[in-house]
């Protein structure tokens, strides 16, 4: 009987120890997977922006003068901005990263042709929440106000 009690006691202790260990391992695994996903997301965003950057830096003064390739680049850039905004709203982007992205969006939307493209050609393609973000936090805030509230 004593052996059975001892085995039962050891089994109970092992159960008590193993549950927190499994929770801890699961927590670390989730954190690692989030970090991996976040790094992949950042890499994809950077790759997409790097492909658009040369075209966005050689735009004419107004939208009608843009080539079809430049117009497509502007459209893809605005789409990338909307995706970045969505990832922020969903809590998938660290606040520091969002602050950098938001400052970059503000800088690009100060370029007259991108502003014109948004205002006259692309606004209606996006939901009202993204339109409001561009209107209130990007277009109507001077570039010097890079530190906007980080609320979602």
Protein backbone atom coordinates (compact mmCIF):
# COMPACT_ATOMS: atom_id res chain seq x y z
CA UNK A 1 0.00 0.00 0.00
CA UNK A 2 2.80 2.42 0.80
CA UNK A 3 4.30 1.92 -2.65
CA UNK A 4 0.95 2.70 -4.25
CA UNK A 5 0.64 5.86 -2.15
CA UNK A 6 4.16 6.90 -3.06
CA UNK A 7 3.47 6.31 -6.76
CA UNK A 8 0.23 8.29 -6.46
CA UNK A 9 2.05 11.13 -4.68
CA UNK A 10 4.79 11.23 -7.31
CA UNK A 11 2.16 11.20 -10.09
CA UNK A 12 0.33 14.09 -8.39
CA UNK A 13 3.55 16.10 -8.03
CA UNK A 14 4.44 15.42 -11.67
CA UNK A 15 0.96 16.60 -12.71
CA UNK A 16 1.31 19.77 -10.66
CA UNK A 17 4.72 20.49 -12.20
CA UNK A 18 3.82 19.51 -15.77
CA UNK A 19 0.73 21.74 -16.16
CA UNK A 20 2.59 25.03 -15.52
CA UNK A 21 5.48 23.77 -17.67
CA UNK A 22 3.11 23.04 -20.56
CA UNK A 23 1.51 26.47 -20.17
CA UNK A 24 4.94 28.12 -20.15
CA UNK A 25 6.10 26.16 -23.19
CA UNK A 26 2.89 27.03 -25.02
CA UNK A 27 3.33 30.72 -24.16
CA UNK A 28 6.93 30.75 -25.47
CA UNK A 29 5.90 28.92 -28.61
CA UNK A 30 3.08 31.41 -29.28
CA UNK A 31 5.43 34.34 -28.68
CA UNK A 32 8.01 32.81 -31.05
CA UNK A 33 5.39 32.21 -33.75
CA UNK A 34 4.13 35.81 -33.41
CA UNK A 35 7.69 37.10 -33.73
CA UNK A 36 8.26 34.97 -36.83
CA UNK A 37 4.98 36.16 -38.37
CA UNK A 38 5.78 39.78 -37.51
CA UNK A 39 9.25 39.54 -39.11
CA UNK A 40 7.77 37.97 -42.27
CA UNK A 41 5.17 40.74 -42.42
CA UNK A 42 7.84 43.45 -42.08
CA UNK A 43 9.97 41.78 -44.76
CA UNK A 44 7.03 41.58 -47.18
CA UNK A 45 6.05 45.21 -46.58
CA UNK A 46 9.64 46.36 -47.07
CA UNK A 47 10.00 44.31 -50.26
CA UNK A 48 6.79 45.75 -51.70
CA UNK A 49 7.79 49.30 -50.79
CA UNK A 50 11.31 48.82 -52.21
CA UNK A 51 9.80 47.83 -55.56
CA UNK A 52 7.56 50.93 -55.58
CA UNK A 53 10.11 53.41 -54.24
CA UNK A 54 11.95 54.23 -57.52
CA UNK A 55 8.68 55.02 -59.31
CA UNK A 56 7.30 57.02 -56.40
CA UNK A 57 10.44 59.14 -56.28
CA UNK A 58 10.28 60.07 -59.96
CA UNK A 59 6.69 61.27 -60.24
CA UNK A 60 5.69 64.32 -62.31
CA UNK A 61 4.00 67.35 -60.75
CA UNK A 62 0.43 66.25 -61.44
CA UNK A 63 -1.49 63.02 -61.89
CA UNK A 64 -2.49 63.37 -65.57
CA UNK A 65 1.20 63.53 -66.50
CA UNK A 66 1.88 60.15 -64.86
CA UNK A 67 2.60 57.17 -67.04
CA UNK A 68 0.38 54.12 -66.61
CA UNK A 69 3.26 52.47 -64.72
CA UNK A 70 3.48 55.44 -62.33
CA UNK A 71 -0.29 55.46 -61.81
CA UNK A 72 -0.16 51.75 -61.01
CA UNK A 73 2.69 52.37 -58.54
CA UNK A 74 0.65 55.09 -56.79
CA UNK A 75 -2.36 52.78 -56.63
CA UNK A 76 -0.24 49.95 -55.22
CA UNK A 77 1.33 52.31 -52.69
CA UNK A 78 -2.07 53.50 -51.44
CA UNK A 79 -3.16 49.85 -51.23
CA UNK A 80 -0.04 49.04 -49.21
CA UNK A 81 -0.87 51.93 -46.86
CA UNK A 82 -4.39 50.56 -46.37
CA UNK A 83 -2.99 47.13 -45.55
CA UNK A 84 -0.53 48.62 -43.05
CA UNK A 85 -3.43 50.46 -41.44
CA UNK A 86 -5.47 47.26 -41.26
CA UNK A 87 -2.56 45.36 -39.67
CA UNK A 88 -2.27 48.17 -37.10
CA UNK A 89 -6.02 48.07 -36.32
CA UNK A 90 -5.86 44.28 -35.91
CA UNK A 91 -2.99 44.64 -33.43
CA UNK A 92 -0.48 42.87 -35.65
CA UNK A 93 2.06 45.71 -35.72
CA UNK A 94 4.19 47.00 -32.85
CA UNK A 95 3.47 50.65 -31.95
CA UNK A 96 7.02 51.78 -32.84
CA UNK A 97 6.73 50.22 -36.28
CA UNK A 98 3.33 51.82 -36.76
CA UNK A 99 4.77 55.21 -35.79
CA UNK A 100 7.44 54.84 -38.49
CA UNK A 101 4.94 53.64 -41.10
CA UNK A 102 2.55 56.46 -40.24
CA UNK A 103 5.31 59.08 -40.60
CA UNK A 104 6.27 57.56 -43.98
CA UNK A 105 2.66 57.63 -45.17
CA UNK A 106 2.39 61.26 -44.09
CA UNK A 107 5.59 62.13 -45.96
CA UNK A 108 4.46 60.46 -49.19
CA UNK A 109 0.99 62.00 -49.04
CA UNK A 110 2.66 65.44 -48.94
CA UNK A 111 3.86 64.76 -52.50
CA UNK A 112 1.33 66.73 -54.61
CA UNK A 113 0.75 64.02 -57.21
CA UNK A 114 0.10 61.32 -54.58
CA UNK A 115 -2.22 63.66 -52.71
CA UNK A 116 -4.02 64.46 -55.97
CA UNK A 117 -4.28 60.77 -56.87
CA UNK A 118 -5.79 59.98 -53.48
CA UNK A 119 -8.19 62.90 -53.46
CA UNK A 120 -9.40 62.66 -57.06
CA UNK A 121 -8.96 59.04 -58.09
CA UNK A 122 -8.66 56.57 -55.21
CA UNK A 123 -10.60 57.79 -52.18
CA UNK A 124 -13.78 55.87 -52.98
CA UNK A 125 -11.94 52.57 -53.42
CA UNK A 126 -11.36 52.26 -49.66
CA UNK A 127 -13.60 51.91 -46.62
CA UNK A 128 -14.64 54.93 -44.60
CA UNK A 129 -12.33 54.08 -41.69
CA UNK A 130 -9.22 54.20 -43.88
CA UNK A 131 -10.53 57.34 -45.62
CA UNK A 132 -10.96 58.96 -42.21
CA UNK A 133 -7.44 57.93 -41.16
CA UNK A 134 -5.94 59.52 -44.28
CA UNK A 135 -8.09 62.62 -43.92
CA UNK A 136 -7.62 63.28 -40.21
CA UNK A 137 -4.24 61.81 -39.34
CA UNK A 138 -2.32 62.15 -42.57
CA UNK A 139 -3.53 65.03 -44.76
CA UNK A 140 -4.58 67.42 -42.02
CA UNK A 141 -1.57 67.02 -39.76
CA UNK A 142 1.63 68.87 -40.58
CA UNK A 143 4.68 66.64 -41.16
CA UNK A 144 6.24 67.88 -37.90
CA UNK A 145 3.55 66.08 -35.88
CA UNK A 146 5.06 62.64 -36.30
CA UNK A 147 4.12 61.57 -32.78
CA UNK A 148 0.41 61.10 -33.04
CA UNK A 149 -1.49 59.10 -30.44
CA UNK A 150 -0.98 55.42 -31.03
CA UNK A 151 -4.59 54.49 -30.49
CA UNK A 152 -6.14 51.84 -32.66
